[in-house]
Structures are given as structure tokens and as C-alpha cells.
Amino acid sequence: MKLLIPVLFIIIGISSFVSISSTSRKDNEAIVWKDTLMADREKYIKLYKDSIRGKESMAADSVFKNIKVLKGKSAEQVLSIMNSWGHALGVTCKFCHDVNDFASEKPRHYLQTREMFDMTNQLNREILANLKTFRQPVVMGCISCHNEMKEPPHDGPRVQGNGARPRPRN
């Protein structure tokens, strides 16, 4: 009996270590995939930041060519927004831009992106801002539907968390 208890602790300890190690490996694999995309976006953002050094706080439309929907934002904010859009769609800068000429509209999706930006702003301003039954303001963004996918699923966004909606306060 005196030998059984230490042996049980050793077995439990080893099995816990093995399960933690296999979980960590799976988590790291998922992180590596995301970090690879982020690293590519960060590379271009760094190049752009270097090219606009000293102009980060200036209005984006005075620093960048062909700014339409993000007028009034600072150049630094535009780079941050572009990075978050890339994350939301699970893409790098090359998905939307010719990385040798970021202002060019030849590559793709500019009209669609502008329409989606307007749709999201209108949805947040006119519909979601007026919801009275939620505890906090509800705000939608690209990731709400895209979930790191180029094309959102046509059956609607995935349920996040436990799927429970907040209950209205009485």
C-alpha cells in the first residue's frame, strides 16, 4: 500500500505532462499558421512605416494615394486598419494589393471592400447602435462574418463562445 500511492502519483503526473505537451503542440501549430500571415503583413507595414516616417499622424489622404473610405484617419491608423482587415479575412496584403504599387486598383476587390466598409458602418450606426436589449453596445466588424476566411460562409457567421445571447435587463 505504501508503494501504491507514490506509483499512482507518478502515473498521474506523467499522464498530465503528456496531455499538456500534446495540447501545447496543437496550440503552437495553430499559432504558427496565424503568425505566418501576420509576419507577411507586418513586413509590408514596416516597409510602409519606414517610407512615411514623420508623417504617421498626418491625414491618410495626404500621405497615401487613392484613399477613399478612410479619409480623415491618420496614416498610422490606416496601416493598423489594413492589418486588422487582413487578419479578419485570413489574408496577407497581396490578396488585395499589388505590393509594388499599393495605390493601384488593378489587383482586386476595391469596390467590394468599400461597399463592405460602408455596409458595416451603416449597420453599426443605424441598426446596432439603437438596440436597447443588450448590456453593452453591439458592434460588427469584418471578422464578425468572415472569421478569418476570404469568403464568409453563406449560412451566416459561426457562433462564438457558448452561443448564449445576453439576456435583456428588466
Protein backbone atom coordinates (compact mmCIF):
# COMPACT_ATOMS: atom_id res chain seq x y z
CA MET A 1 0.00 0.00 0.00
CA LYS A 2 2.87 2.38 0.82
CA LEU A 3 4.30 1.74 -2.64
CA LEU A 4 0.94 2.05 -4.45
CA ILE A 5 0.34 5.70 -3.54
CA PRO A 6 3.69 7.04 -4.88
CA VAL A 7 3.30 4.93 -8.05
CA LEU A 8 -0.19 6.40 -8.59
CA PHE A 9 1.17 9.94 -8.20
CA ILE A 10 3.91 9.21 -10.72
CA ILE A 11 1.42 7.79 -13.25
CA ILE A 12 -0.94 10.74 -12.81
CA GLY A 13 1.96 13.17 -13.13
CA ILE A 14 3.26 11.56 -16.32
CA SER A 15 -0.19 11.40 -17.92
CA SER A 16 -0.82 15.06 -17.06
CA PHE A 17 2.53 16.05 -18.55
CA VAL A 18 1.85 14.08 -21.75
CA SER A 19 -1.62 15.62 -22.21
CA ILE A 20 -0.28 19.13 -21.59
CA SER A 21 2.56 18.57 -24.05
CA SER A 22 0.24 17.32 -26.82
CA THR A 23 -2.18 20.22 -26.25
CA SER A 24 0.65 22.74 -26.37
CA ARG A 25 1.90 21.28 -29.65
CA LYS A 26 -1.58 21.62 -31.22
CA ASP A 27 -1.91 25.19 -29.95
CA ASN A 28 1.52 26.09 -31.30
CA GLU A 29 0.69 24.69 -34.74
CA ALA A 30 -2.38 26.92 -34.95
CA ILE A 31 -0.39 29.92 -33.77
CA VAL A 32 2.37 29.28 -36.31
CA TRP A 33 -0.16 29.41 -39.16
CA LYS A 34 -1.60 32.71 -37.96
CA ASP A 35 1.81 34.16 -37.19
CA THR A 36 2.98 33.34 -40.71
CA LEU A 37 0.25 35.52 -42.19
CA MET A 38 0.85 38.21 -39.62
CA ALA A 39 4.59 38.17 -40.34
CA ASP A 40 3.93 38.79 -44.04
CA ARG A 41 1.55 41.69 -43.30
CA GLU A 42 3.96 43.10 -40.72
CA LYS A 43 6.77 43.02 -43.31
CA TYR A 44 4.81 45.32 -45.65
CA ILE A 45 3.55 47.50 -42.82
CA LYS A 46 7.13 48.01 -41.64
CA LEU A 47 8.21 48.95 -45.18
CA TYR A 48 5.34 51.41 -45.43
CA LYS A 49 6.01 52.86 -41.96
CA ASP A 50 9.63 53.40 -42.92
CA SER A 51 8.56 55.18 -46.12
CA ILE A 52 6.21 57.57 -44.26
CA ARG A 53 8.41 58.20 -41.21
CA GLY A 54 7.46 61.56 -39.70
CA LYS A 55 4.05 61.59 -41.42
CA GLU A 56 2.32 58.92 -39.27
CA SER A 57 -0.06 61.40 -37.63
CA MET A 58 -0.94 63.22 -40.87
CA ALA A 59 -4.27 62.57 -42.60
CA ALA A 60 -4.05 59.39 -44.66
CA ASP A 61 -5.33 61.02 -47.86
CA SER A 62 -2.43 63.48 -47.74
CA VAL A 63 0.13 60.69 -47.26
CA PHE A 64 -1.23 57.81 -49.37
CA LYS A 65 -2.60 57.82 -52.91
CA ASN A 66 -6.14 56.68 -53.66
CA ILE A 67 -7.63 56.82 -50.15
CA LYS A 68 -11.41 56.88 -50.42
CA VAL A 69 -13.24 55.47 -47.37
CA LEU A 70 -10.59 56.07 -44.72
CA LYS A 71 -10.25 59.82 -45.28
CA GLY A 72 -9.73 61.66 -42.01
CA LYS A 73 -7.86 58.76 -40.41
CA SER A 74 -4.17 59.17 -39.71
CA ALA A 75 -1.67 57.32 -41.88
CA GLU A 76 -0.77 55.15 -38.90
CA GLN A 77 -4.45 54.31 -38.28
CA VAL A 78 -4.87 53.26 -41.91
CA LEU A 79 -1.97 50.81 -41.63
CA SER A 80 -3.47 49.39 -38.45
CA ILE A 81 -6.93 49.10 -40.04
CA MET A 82 -5.48 47.36 -43.11
CA ASN A 83 -3.67 44.91 -40.84
CA SER A 84 -6.89 44.14 -38.93
CA TRP A 85 -8.80 43.66 -42.20
CA GLY A 86 -6.11 41.24 -43.36
CA HIS A 87 -6.45 39.32 -40.10
CA ALA A 88 -10.27 39.30 -40.31
CA LEU A 89 -10.16 37.79 -43.81
CA GLY A 90 -7.21 35.49 -43.10
CA VAL A 91 -5.13 37.03 -45.88
CA THR A 92 -1.94 38.98 -46.45
CA CYS A 93 -1.51 42.33 -48.20
CA LYS A 94 -1.03 40.55 -51.55
CA PHE A 95 -4.65 39.38 -51.53
CA CYS A 96 -5.93 42.91 -52.21
CA HIS A 97 -2.89 44.89 -53.28
CA ASP A 98 -0.15 44.95 -55.84
CA VAL A 99 2.61 45.21 -53.24
CA ASN A 100 4.78 47.19 -55.67
CA ASP A 101 2.01 49.77 -56.15
CA PHE A 102 -0.41 49.81 -53.22
CA ALA A 103 -2.50 52.62 -54.77
CA SER A 104 -3.27 50.58 -57.88
CA GLU A 105 -6.84 49.34 -58.18
CA LYS A 106 -5.93 46.73 -60.77
CA PRO A 107 -5.43 43.78 -58.42
CA ARG A 108 -8.90 43.28 -56.97
CA HIS A 109 -11.83 43.90 -54.68
CA TYR A 110 -11.64 47.67 -54.17
CA LEU A 111 -15.27 48.45 -54.94
CA GLN A 112 -16.45 45.43 -52.94
CA THR A 113 -14.25 46.38 -49.98
CA ARG A 114 -15.54 49.95 -50.00
CA GLU A 115 -19.13 48.71 -50.13
CA MET A 116 -18.50 46.31 -47.24
CA PHE A 117 -16.91 49.14 -45.22
CA ASP A 118 -19.95 51.35 -45.85
CA MET A 119 -22.33 48.47 -45.02
CA THR A 120 -20.55 47.77 -41.72
CA ASN A 121 -20.54 51.44 -40.73
CA GLN A 122 -24.23 51.82 -41.61
CA LEU A 123 -25.11 48.65 -39.73
CA ASN A 124 -23.22 49.81 -36.62
CA ARG A 125 -24.53 53.39 -36.75
CA GLU A 126 -28.15 52.90 -37.74
CA ILE A 127 -29.18 49.47 -36.51
CA LEU A 128 -26.89 48.09 -33.83
CA ALA A 129 -26.44 51.41 -32.01
CA ASN A 130 -30.21 51.51 -31.46
CA LEU A 131 -30.55 48.07 -29.89
CA LYS A 132 -31.90 48.55 -26.37
CA THR A 133 -31.89 44.99 -25.03
CA PHE A 134 -28.13 44.40 -24.96
CA ARG A 135 -25.97 45.18 -21.94
CA GLN A 136 -23.22 46.79 -23.99
CA PRO A 137 -23.06 48.35 -27.43
CA VAL A 138 -23.04 45.73 -30.19
CA VAL A 139 -20.51 46.40 -32.94
CA MET A 140 -19.86 44.39 -36.07
CA GLY A 141 -16.62 44.24 -37.99
CA CYS A 142 -15.22 42.24 -40.89
CA ILE A 143 -14.31 39.34 -38.62
CA SER A 144 -17.92 39.06 -37.42
CA CYS A 145 -18.86 37.31 -40.67
CA HIS A 146 -15.56 36.41 -42.31
CA ASN A 147 -13.97 34.63 -39.33
CA GLU A 148 -10.53 34.70 -40.97
CA MET A 149 -11.93 33.42 -44.29
CA LYS A 150 -11.71 35.21 -47.65
CA GLU A 151 -15.36 34.45 -48.31
CA PRO A 152 -17.79 34.39 -45.40
CA PRO A 153 -19.85 31.23 -45.14
CA HIS A 154 -23.19 31.70 -46.87
CA ASP A 155 -25.05 30.18 -43.94
CA GLY A 156 -24.08 33.03 -41.62
CA PRO A 157 -21.41 33.63 -39.00
CA ARG A 158 -20.26 30.91 -36.62
CA VAL A 159 -21.49 31.11 -33.06
CA GLN A 160 -18.78 32.40 -30.75
CA GLY A 161 -18.24 31.20 -27.19
CA ASN A 162 -21.04 29.13 -25.69
CA GLY A 163 -23.59 30.55 -28.13
CA ALA A 164 -25.71 32.11 -25.40
CA ARG A 165 -27.09 35.54 -26.18
CA PRO A 166 -27.18 38.14 -23.43
CA ARG A 167 -30.49 38.36 -21.62
CA PRO A 168 -32.28 41.68 -21.58
CA ARG A 169 -32.37 43.54 -18.30
CA ASN A 170 -35.77 44.06 -16.77
